[in-house]
Amino acid sequence: MEPGYKPPYYRNAFLCRAMVNLYMIDTNSMGIPMIYQIQREKCFPLPTYDLETINRVSVTVFGKILDKNYTQLLHANGNLDLQTVFLLDRIQKREPISHENYVTLRKNGLVEGRYPNIFVSFKVATAVGQKTAYIRNRGLDESVCRHLIMQALDIQPSTMPELLEVLDRGALSAVLSPDQKARKVSNLLQKMKNEGIVYPVGPRNKAKWHAAKSKTK
């Protein structure tokens, strides 16, 4: 928009005028909202704008489903306003949103999880038949994780990474990063240790965890 700016190439003037006359080109700052609405009606992801390169804008327009939960959520809730759809689109793309927006979405029953690891809520997931995806995103209850750990230790003593591998086969939330999953398992083991359920043997980084009942054998 700066005076004197010259594009690296010149558009076809005849084609440009034709597109303006057919309302196929933005003439009064409505292009972005228009394409957002088109994608929203198709239940497709919204366009992504990349502004990383100076003086250039790269736009990615998606013609396919990225997250079934997002798509089915739009199908099930045709009255969602565009601002809400925009926030949900960021969530499906694992892009951050503000905590204030998260609170609003959660209050409306659209998302669940601990900020910033959020996902489609159980109420919506049930409505669109996504119970399995919900459980995968939310993770299983701590009691189930404890039971899996004790089952593994009953078979043989195991290191923390080995127990993490056991729990990562469906018990841990899919939205957690590898580091977050490791911390969660480590914290759970420490909690179980303090309760006298398990105990470690060996150097801290390579310790093998045992079930407490085997300590007396």
Protein backbone atom coordinates (compact mmCIF):
# COMPACT_ATOMS: atom_id res chain seq x y z
CA MET A 1 0.00 0.00 0.00
CA GLU A 2 3.02 2.31 0.07
CA PRO A 3 3.25 4.96 -2.71
CA GLY A 4 5.54 3.95 -5.55
CA TYR A 5 5.32 0.23 -4.82
CA LYS A 6 5.76 -1.89 -7.94
CA PRO A 7 4.79 -5.55 -7.93
CA PRO A 8 7.34 -8.10 -9.18
CA TYR A 9 4.98 -8.94 -12.05
CA TYR A 10 1.98 -7.28 -13.72
CA ARG A 11 -1.50 -8.71 -13.74
CA ASN A 12 -3.58 -9.02 -16.88
CA ALA A 13 -5.54 -5.73 -16.89
CA PHE A 14 -8.40 -7.10 -19.01
CA LEU A 15 -8.78 -10.16 -16.75
CA CYS A 16 -8.61 -7.93 -13.66
CA ARG A 17 -11.45 -5.69 -14.90
CA ALA A 18 -13.53 -8.73 -15.82
CA MET A 19 -13.09 -10.23 -12.34
CA VAL A 20 -14.05 -6.92 -10.71
CA ASN A 21 -17.20 -6.74 -12.85
CA LEU A 22 -18.11 -10.31 -11.87
CA TYR A 23 -17.48 -9.61 -8.15
CA MET A 24 -14.67 -12.17 -8.14
CA ILE A 25 -12.06 -9.79 -6.75
CA ASP A 26 -11.94 -7.72 -3.58
CA THR A 27 -12.93 -4.09 -4.11
CA ASN A 28 -13.96 -2.88 -0.63
CA SER A 29 -12.08 -4.95 1.97
CA MET A 30 -14.50 -7.87 1.99
CA GLY A 31 -12.29 -10.51 0.36
CA ILE A 32 -10.98 -12.18 3.51
CA PRO A 33 -14.35 -12.36 5.33
CA MET A 34 -15.92 -13.65 2.10
CA ILE A 35 -13.50 -16.54 1.65
CA TYR A 36 -13.72 -17.30 5.39
CA GLN A 37 -17.48 -17.62 5.04
CA ILE A 38 -17.19 -19.80 1.93
CA GLN A 39 -14.85 -22.20 3.73
CA ARG A 40 -17.03 -22.12 6.83
CA GLU A 41 -20.11 -23.13 4.78
CA LYS A 42 -18.14 -26.02 3.27
CA CYS A 43 -16.99 -27.00 6.80
CA PHE A 44 -13.41 -26.77 5.57
CA PRO A 45 -10.49 -25.22 7.48
CA LEU A 46 -10.18 -21.46 7.12
CA PRO A 47 -7.35 -20.03 4.97
CA THR A 48 -3.99 -19.54 6.67
CA TYR A 49 -2.09 -16.32 6.01
CA ASP A 50 1.71 -16.36 6.26
CA LEU A 51 3.28 -12.91 6.79
CA GLU A 52 6.79 -14.12 7.61
CA THR A 53 8.34 -12.84 4.34
CA ILE A 54 8.60 -9.06 4.20
CA ASN A 55 6.38 -7.43 1.52
CA ARG A 56 4.78 -10.78 0.66
CA VAL A 57 1.68 -12.62 1.81
CA SER A 58 1.37 -16.36 1.33
CA VAL A 59 -2.14 -17.81 1.58
CA THR A 60 -2.98 -21.48 2.01
CA VAL A 61 -6.55 -22.43 1.12
CA PHE A 62 -7.56 -25.90 2.28
CA GLY A 63 -9.77 -28.07 0.13
CA LYS A 64 -9.78 -31.05 2.47
CA ILE A 65 -10.54 -31.99 6.06
CA LEU A 66 -7.74 -31.56 8.59
CA ASP A 67 -9.64 -32.58 11.72
CA LYS A 68 -12.88 -34.57 11.60
CA ASN A 69 -13.90 -33.17 14.99
CA TYR A 70 -13.78 -29.61 13.66
CA THR A 71 -15.68 -30.48 10.50
CA GLN A 72 -18.41 -32.43 12.28
CA LEU A 73 -18.64 -29.71 14.90
CA LEU A 74 -19.49 -27.17 12.18
CA HIS A 75 -22.02 -29.58 10.68
CA ALA A 76 -23.69 -30.01 14.07
CA ASN A 77 -23.65 -26.28 14.90
CA GLY A 78 -24.67 -24.29 11.85
CA ASN A 79 -25.35 -21.16 13.92
CA LEU A 80 -21.78 -20.61 15.13
CA ASP A 81 -20.55 -17.08 14.39
CA LEU A 82 -17.47 -16.60 12.23
CA GLN A 83 -15.31 -15.39 15.15
CA THR A 84 -15.98 -18.63 17.04
CA VAL A 85 -15.27 -20.70 13.91
CA PHE A 86 -12.00 -18.80 13.51
CA LEU A 87 -10.94 -19.73 17.06
CA LEU A 88 -11.94 -23.37 16.58
CA ASP A 89 -9.96 -23.40 13.33
CA ARG A 90 -6.86 -22.26 15.21
CA ILE A 91 -7.39 -25.04 17.74
CA GLN A 92 -7.60 -27.72 15.04
CA LYS A 93 -4.36 -26.37 13.55
CA ARG A 94 -2.70 -26.46 17.00
CA GLU A 95 -2.28 -22.68 16.89
CA PRO A 96 -2.52 -20.72 20.17
CA ILE A 97 -5.53 -18.72 21.28
CA SER A 98 -5.80 -16.38 24.25
CA HIS A 99 -6.85 -17.70 27.64
CA GLU A 100 -9.81 -15.32 27.54
CA ASN A 101 -11.05 -16.90 24.29
CA TYR A 102 -10.47 -20.35 25.75
CA VAL A 103 -12.66 -19.50 28.75
CA THR A 104 -15.44 -18.31 26.43
CA LEU A 105 -15.30 -21.46 24.28
CA ARG A 106 -15.25 -23.70 27.34
CA LYS A 107 -18.22 -21.84 28.86
CA ASN A 108 -20.14 -22.51 25.65
CA GLY A 109 -19.26 -26.20 25.82
CA LEU A 110 -17.18 -26.17 22.62
CA VAL A 111 -13.79 -27.16 24.01
CA GLU A 112 -12.36 -29.12 26.89
CA GLY A 113 -8.94 -29.76 28.34
CA ARG A 114 -6.37 -27.83 30.30
CA TYR A 115 -5.20 -24.66 28.58
CA PRO A 116 -3.36 -24.55 26.19
CA ASN A 117 -3.91 -28.27 25.38
CA ILE A 118 -7.56 -28.03 24.37
CA PHE A 119 -9.82 -30.07 22.11
CA VAL A 120 -13.45 -30.78 21.19
CA SER A 121 -15.65 -31.16 24.27
CA PHE A 122 -17.34 -34.40 25.32
CA LYS A 123 -20.82 -32.95 24.76
CA VAL A 124 -20.01 -32.09 21.15
CA ALA A 125 -18.00 -35.25 20.64
CA THR A 126 -20.96 -37.34 21.75
CA ALA A 127 -23.29 -35.50 19.41
CA VAL A 128 -21.09 -36.18 16.41
CA GLY A 129 -20.05 -39.70 17.34
CA GLN A 130 -16.49 -38.89 18.34
CA LYS A 131 -16.24 -40.62 21.72
CA THR A 132 -13.10 -42.49 20.70
CA ALA A 133 -11.35 -39.32 19.56
CA TYR A 134 -12.41 -37.58 22.76
CA ILE A 135 -10.92 -40.30 24.96
CA ARG A 136 -7.72 -40.23 22.91
CA ASN A 137 -7.44 -36.45 23.35
CA ARG A 138 -8.46 -36.37 27.01
CA GLY A 139 -6.49 -39.41 28.14
CA LEU A 140 -7.66 -42.07 30.58
CA ASP A 141 -8.28 -41.49 34.28
CA GLU A 142 -5.31 -41.59 36.65
CA SER A 143 -6.70 -44.75 38.25
CA VAL A 144 -6.46 -46.53 34.89
CA CYS A 145 -2.88 -45.32 34.39
CA ARG A 146 -1.98 -46.59 37.86
CA HIS A 147 -3.50 -49.98 37.06
CA LEU A 148 -1.51 -50.23 33.82
CA ILE A 149 1.71 -49.34 35.65
CA MET A 150 1.09 -52.00 38.30
CA GLN A 151 0.29 -54.58 35.63
CA ALA A 152 3.58 -53.82 33.89
CA LEU A 153 5.56 -53.97 37.14
CA ASP A 154 3.92 -57.25 38.13
CA ILE A 155 5.43 -58.74 35.00
CA GLN A 156 8.90 -57.23 35.49
CA PRO A 157 10.62 -54.11 36.90
CA SER A 158 10.67 -51.32 34.32
CA THR A 159 12.33 -47.97 33.73
CA MET A 160 10.32 -44.77 33.46
CA PRO A 161 10.73 -44.65 29.62
CA GLU A 162 9.46 -48.22 29.42
CA LEU A 163 6.41 -47.36 31.51
CA LEU A 164 5.90 -44.25 29.40
CA GLU A 165 5.81 -46.47 26.32
CA VAL A 166 3.13 -48.64 27.95
CA LEU A 167 0.93 -45.65 28.85
CA ASP A 168 1.50 -43.93 25.52
CA ARG A 169 -0.43 -46.67 23.72
CA GLY A 170 -3.71 -44.92 24.43
CA ALA A 171 -3.77 -44.02 28.13
CA LEU A 172 -2.14 -40.58 27.81
CA SER A 173 -3.75 -37.57 26.17
CA ALA A 174 -2.87 -37.28 22.47
CA VAL A 175 -2.66 -33.49 22.74
CA LEU A 176 0.31 -33.63 25.14
CA SER A 177 3.83 -33.18 23.79
CA PRO A 178 6.44 -35.94 24.39
CA ASP A 179 8.00 -33.87 27.20
CA GLN A 180 4.61 -33.31 28.83
CA LYS A 181 3.83 -37.03 28.67
CA ALA A 182 7.21 -37.85 30.26
CA ARG A 183 6.60 -35.35 33.07
CA LYS A 184 3.12 -36.72 33.66
CA VAL A 185 4.38 -40.29 34.01
CA SER A 186 7.34 -39.18 36.17
CA ASN A 187 5.01 -37.22 38.47
CA LEU A 188 2.63 -40.17 38.73
CA LEU A 189 5.48 -42.52 39.66
CA GLN A 190 6.68 -40.09 42.35
CA LYS A 191 3.14 -39.88 43.69
CA MET A 192 2.86 -43.66 43.80
CA LYS A 193 6.28 -43.86 45.46
CA ASN A 194 5.20 -41.43 48.19
CA GLU A 195 2.16 -43.64 48.77
CA GLY A 196 4.40 -46.69 49.14
CA ILE A 197 2.98 -48.42 46.07
CA VAL A 198 6.18 -48.54 44.00
CA TYR A 199 9.88 -47.90 44.59
CA PRO A 200 12.92 -47.30 42.33
CA VAL A 201 16.21 -49.22 42.32
CA GLY A 202 19.36 -47.84 40.70
CA PRO A 203 20.67 -44.45 39.54
CA ARG A 204 17.98 -41.81 39.13
CA ASN A 205 18.16 -41.57 35.32
CA LYS A 206 18.28 -45.35 34.85
CA ALA A 207 16.30 -46.52 37.87
CA LYS A 208 14.03 -49.52 37.50
CA TRP A 209 10.68 -49.28 39.21
CA HIS A 210 9.31 -52.19 41.24
CA ALA A 211 5.92 -52.95 42.71
CA ALA A 212 6.14 -52.52 46.47
CA LYS A 213 4.70 -55.97 47.19
CA SER A 214 7.76 -57.58 45.55
CA LYS A 215 10.10 -55.72 47.93
CA THR A 216 9.48 -58.25 50.69
CA LYS A 217 10.15 -61.28 48.49
